[in-house]
């Protein structure tokens, strides 16, 4: 499945290496990664080449390498939503929650109408018993999706109940921890695996 997605990405990219490779079926993951690396090395400033390689590395669980490419791409293209989404996915998968939050909040500064991201952050903050932050995200969701039941539930939840749950959690000395996401199930996350155009 990953090879098929990568072939689709390669067939739509604009650089000459990818255009030539798209005409030839790729034998295996190693060949695919080699082709994506070659395209990236030819033009590391190209948004599609950067995203495609970072996506492929992420699907292989090579998060550190993917993050280097993503951070470099964001320096050159700080307005590209998909890089933030991919970075946030990696941060969550590696339990780097402060960076996960910063990445998604930065994305929402760029695109406040990205309700899928606001919903994910809302659930994240709710799970951490951060009521005010969760409600802020819920209000943002409701600005664009007025009948979203999850956001309505969070925005109008009883703070006293949440406070008592939080106190019990603190008394027990246990800190909340996410279960590790299933990796690399990239089909379920909120970015489009096709090459970048304007976003």
Protein backbone atom coordinates (compact mmCIF):
# COMPACT_ATOMS: atom_id res chain seq x y z
CA UNK A 1 0.00 0.00 0.00
CA UNK A 2 2.80 2.42 0.89
CA UNK A 3 4.45 1.74 -2.47
CA UNK A 4 1.22 2.55 -4.30
CA UNK A 5 0.80 5.82 -2.43
CA UNK A 6 4.41 6.74 -3.09
CA UNK A 7 4.02 5.90 -6.77
CA UNK A 8 1.02 8.22 -6.90
CA UNK A 9 3.07 10.93 -5.24
CA UNK A 10 5.94 10.42 -7.65
CA UNK A 11 3.67 10.55 -10.65
CA UNK A 12 2.47 14.02 -9.67
CA UNK A 13 5.75 15.66 -8.66
CA UNK A 14 7.30 18.35 -10.77
CA UNK A 15 11.01 17.57 -10.70
CA UNK A 16 12.60 15.63 -13.57
CA UNK A 17 13.88 12.71 -11.47
CA UNK A 18 10.39 11.95 -10.17
CA UNK A 19 8.82 12.44 -13.59
CA UNK A 20 11.18 9.84 -15.08
CA UNK A 21 10.74 7.40 -12.21
CA UNK A 22 6.97 7.60 -12.33
CA UNK A 23 7.07 5.84 -15.69
CA UNK A 24 8.89 2.83 -14.24
CA UNK A 25 7.32 0.57 -11.59
CA UNK A 26 9.38 0.67 -8.41
CA UNK A 27 10.58 -2.73 -7.22
CA UNK A 28 10.62 -2.22 -3.46
CA UNK A 29 10.70 0.23 -0.57
CA UNK A 30 14.45 0.65 -0.77
CA UNK A 31 14.20 1.67 -4.41
CA UNK A 32 11.32 4.01 -3.62
CA UNK A 33 13.26 5.70 -0.82
CA UNK A 34 16.33 5.92 -3.02
CA UNK A 35 14.29 7.65 -5.73
CA UNK A 36 12.75 10.09 -3.26
CA UNK A 37 16.19 10.81 -1.75
CA UNK A 38 17.59 11.51 -5.20
CA UNK A 39 14.75 13.91 -6.02
CA UNK A 40 15.26 15.68 -2.68
CA UNK A 41 19.04 15.92 -3.12
CA UNK A 42 18.55 17.49 -6.55
CA UNK A 43 16.34 20.21 -5.11
CA UNK A 44 15.89 20.24 -1.35
CA UNK A 45 13.97 23.51 -1.60
CA UNK A 46 11.22 21.82 -3.63
CA UNK A 47 8.09 21.45 -1.49
CA UNK A 48 6.93 18.23 -3.12
CA UNK A 49 10.34 16.55 -2.92
CA UNK A 50 10.64 17.50 0.75
CA UNK A 51 7.15 16.39 1.68
CA UNK A 52 7.32 13.13 -0.25
CA UNK A 53 10.61 12.10 1.35
CA UNK A 54 9.50 13.15 4.85
CA UNK A 55 6.24 11.24 4.39
CA UNK A 56 8.05 8.10 3.20
CA UNK A 57 10.52 8.27 6.09
CA UNK A 58 7.63 8.71 8.53
CA UNK A 59 5.88 5.65 7.12
CA UNK A 60 9.09 3.70 7.80
CA UNK A 61 9.29 5.00 11.39
CA UNK A 62 12.42 7.05 10.64
CA UNK A 63 11.14 10.05 12.56
CA UNK A 64 14.39 11.87 13.31
CA UNK A 65 15.32 11.96 9.63
CA UNK A 66 11.81 13.06 8.65
CA UNK A 67 11.84 15.88 11.24
CA UNK A 68 15.11 17.29 9.88
CA UNK A 69 13.55 17.55 6.42
CA UNK A 70 10.29 18.98 7.77
CA UNK A 71 12.01 21.63 9.89
CA UNK A 72 14.16 22.71 6.94
CA UNK A 73 11.07 22.86 4.71
CA UNK A 74 9.19 24.95 7.29
CA UNK A 75 12.06 27.44 7.42
CA UNK A 76 11.65 27.92 3.66
CA UNK A 77 7.86 27.57 3.55
CA UNK A 78 6.36 28.49 6.94
CA UNK A 79 2.84 28.68 5.48
CA UNK A 80 2.57 25.07 4.26
CA UNK A 81 -0.08 23.32 6.35
CA UNK A 82 0.86 19.74 5.47
CA UNK A 83 4.35 20.01 6.94
CA UNK A 84 2.86 21.03 10.30
CA UNK A 85 0.40 18.15 10.21
CA UNK A 86 3.11 15.62 9.45
CA UNK A 87 5.37 17.08 12.15
CA UNK A 88 2.55 16.95 14.72
CA UNK A 89 1.92 13.31 13.84
CA UNK A 90 5.58 12.47 14.46
CA UNK A 91 5.63 14.41 17.75
CA UNK A 92 2.58 12.54 19.00
CA UNK A 93 3.99 9.18 17.89
CA UNK A 94 7.21 9.90 19.81
CA UNK A 95 5.40 11.29 22.89
CA UNK A 96 6.79 14.80 22.40
CA UNK A 97 3.53 16.44 23.50
CA UNK A 98 4.84 20.00 24.09
CA UNK A 99 6.12 20.14 20.49
CA UNK A 100 2.94 18.44 19.26
CA UNK A 101 0.87 21.21 20.88
CA UNK A 102 3.14 24.01 19.59
CA UNK A 103 3.05 22.59 16.07
CA UNK A 104 -0.73 22.32 15.91
CA UNK A 105 -1.26 25.70 17.55
CA UNK A 106 1.06 27.28 14.99
CA UNK A 107 -0.93 25.57 12.25
CA UNK A 108 -4.15 27.01 13.67
CA UNK A 109 -2.58 30.49 13.62
CA UNK A 110 -2.09 29.99 9.89
CA UNK A 111 -5.45 28.33 9.26
CA UNK A 112 -8.00 28.76 12.05
CA UNK A 113 -10.63 26.99 9.95
CA UNK A 114 -8.72 23.70 10.12
CA UNK A 115 -11.33 22.11 12.38
CA UNK A 116 -9.84 18.60 12.23
CA UNK A 117 -6.72 19.97 13.94
CA UNK A 118 -8.75 21.99 16.46
CA UNK A 119 -10.76 18.86 17.31
CA UNK A 120 -7.63 16.78 17.77
CA UNK A 121 -6.10 19.41 20.07
CA UNK A 122 -9.38 19.70 21.96
CA UNK A 123 -9.36 15.96 22.67
CA UNK A 124 -5.67 16.11 23.60
CA UNK A 125 -6.25 18.90 26.13
CA UNK A 126 -9.37 17.20 27.46
CA UNK A 127 -7.41 13.99 28.05
CA UNK A 128 -4.82 16.00 29.97
CA UNK A 129 -7.58 17.65 32.05
CA UNK A 130 -6.64 21.09 30.71
CA UNK A 131 -10.19 22.40 30.68
CA UNK A 132 -9.56 25.97 29.56
CA UNK A 133 -7.41 24.97 26.61
CA UNK A 134 -9.91 22.27 25.61
CA UNK A 135 -12.75 24.81 25.74
CA UNK A 136 -10.76 27.29 23.64
CA UNK A 137 -10.38 24.63 20.95
CA UNK A 138 -14.06 23.68 21.26
CA UNK A 139 -15.07 27.30 20.69
CA UNK A 140 -12.86 27.42 17.60
CA UNK A 141 -14.48 24.25 16.23
CA UNK A 142 -17.98 25.64 16.85
CA UNK A 143 -17.11 28.80 14.95
CA UNK A 144 -17.00 26.66 11.80
CA UNK A 145 -19.10 23.63 12.76
CA UNK A 146 -21.97 24.97 14.85
CA UNK A 147 -23.50 21.55 15.53
CA UNK A 148 -20.35 19.59 16.44
CA UNK A 149 -21.48 17.47 19.39
CA UNK A 150 -18.00 16.83 20.81
CA UNK A 151 -17.17 20.52 20.84
CA UNK A 152 -20.55 21.41 22.41
CA UNK A 153 -20.00 18.76 25.11
CA UNK A 154 -16.53 20.12 25.95
CA UNK A 155 -17.50 23.79 25.84
CA UNK A 156 -20.44 23.29 28.19
CA UNK A 157 -18.91 20.62 30.44
CA UNK A 158 -19.14 21.03 34.18
CA UNK A 159 -15.84 22.44 35.47
CA UNK A 160 -16.55 21.17 39.01
CA UNK A 161 -16.75 17.58 37.79
CA UNK A 162 -13.57 18.02 35.78
CA UNK A 163 -11.85 19.62 38.77
CA UNK A 164 -12.70 16.66 41.02
CA UNK A 165 -11.37 14.22 38.42
CA UNK A 166 -8.18 16.26 38.17
CA UNK A 167 -7.79 16.30 41.99
CA UNK A 168 -8.17 12.53 42.17
CA UNK A 169 -5.55 12.16 39.46
CA UNK A 170 -3.13 14.42 41.37
CA UNK A 171 -3.77 12.60 44.67
CA UNK A 172 -2.99 9.23 43.13
CA UNK A 173 0.34 10.55 41.83
CA UNK A 174 -0.30 9.06 38.41
CA UNK A 175 0.31 11.23 35.39
CA UNK A 176 -1.85 10.84 32.36
CA UNK A 177 -0.11 9.22 29.40
CA UNK A 178 -1.34 8.53 25.92
CA UNK A 179 -1.13 5.09 24.47
CA UNK A 180 1.33 5.08 21.62
CA UNK A 181 -0.42 5.61 18.26
CA UNK A 182 -0.41 2.74 15.80
CA UNK A 183 2.61 3.32 13.57
CA UNK A 184 2.77 3.68 10.63
CA UNK A 185 -1.00 3.84 9.98
CA UNK A 186 -0.77 7.04 7.96
CA UNK A 187 -4.09 6.41 6.21
CA UNK A 188 -5.99 7.58 9.29
CA UNK A 189 -4.29 10.93 9.87
CA UNK A 190 -5.47 14.28 8.64
CA UNK A 191 -3.08 15.10 5.84
CA UNK A 192 -3.31 14.35 2.16
CA UNK A 193 -0.44 12.14 0.97
CA UNK A 194 -0.45 13.66 -2.52
CA UNK A 195 2.25 16.18 -3.39
CA UNK A 196 1.94 19.77 -2.36
CA UNK A 197 0.44 22.37 -4.60
CA UNK A 198 -0.44 25.62 -2.83
CA UNK A 199 -0.91 24.21 0.69
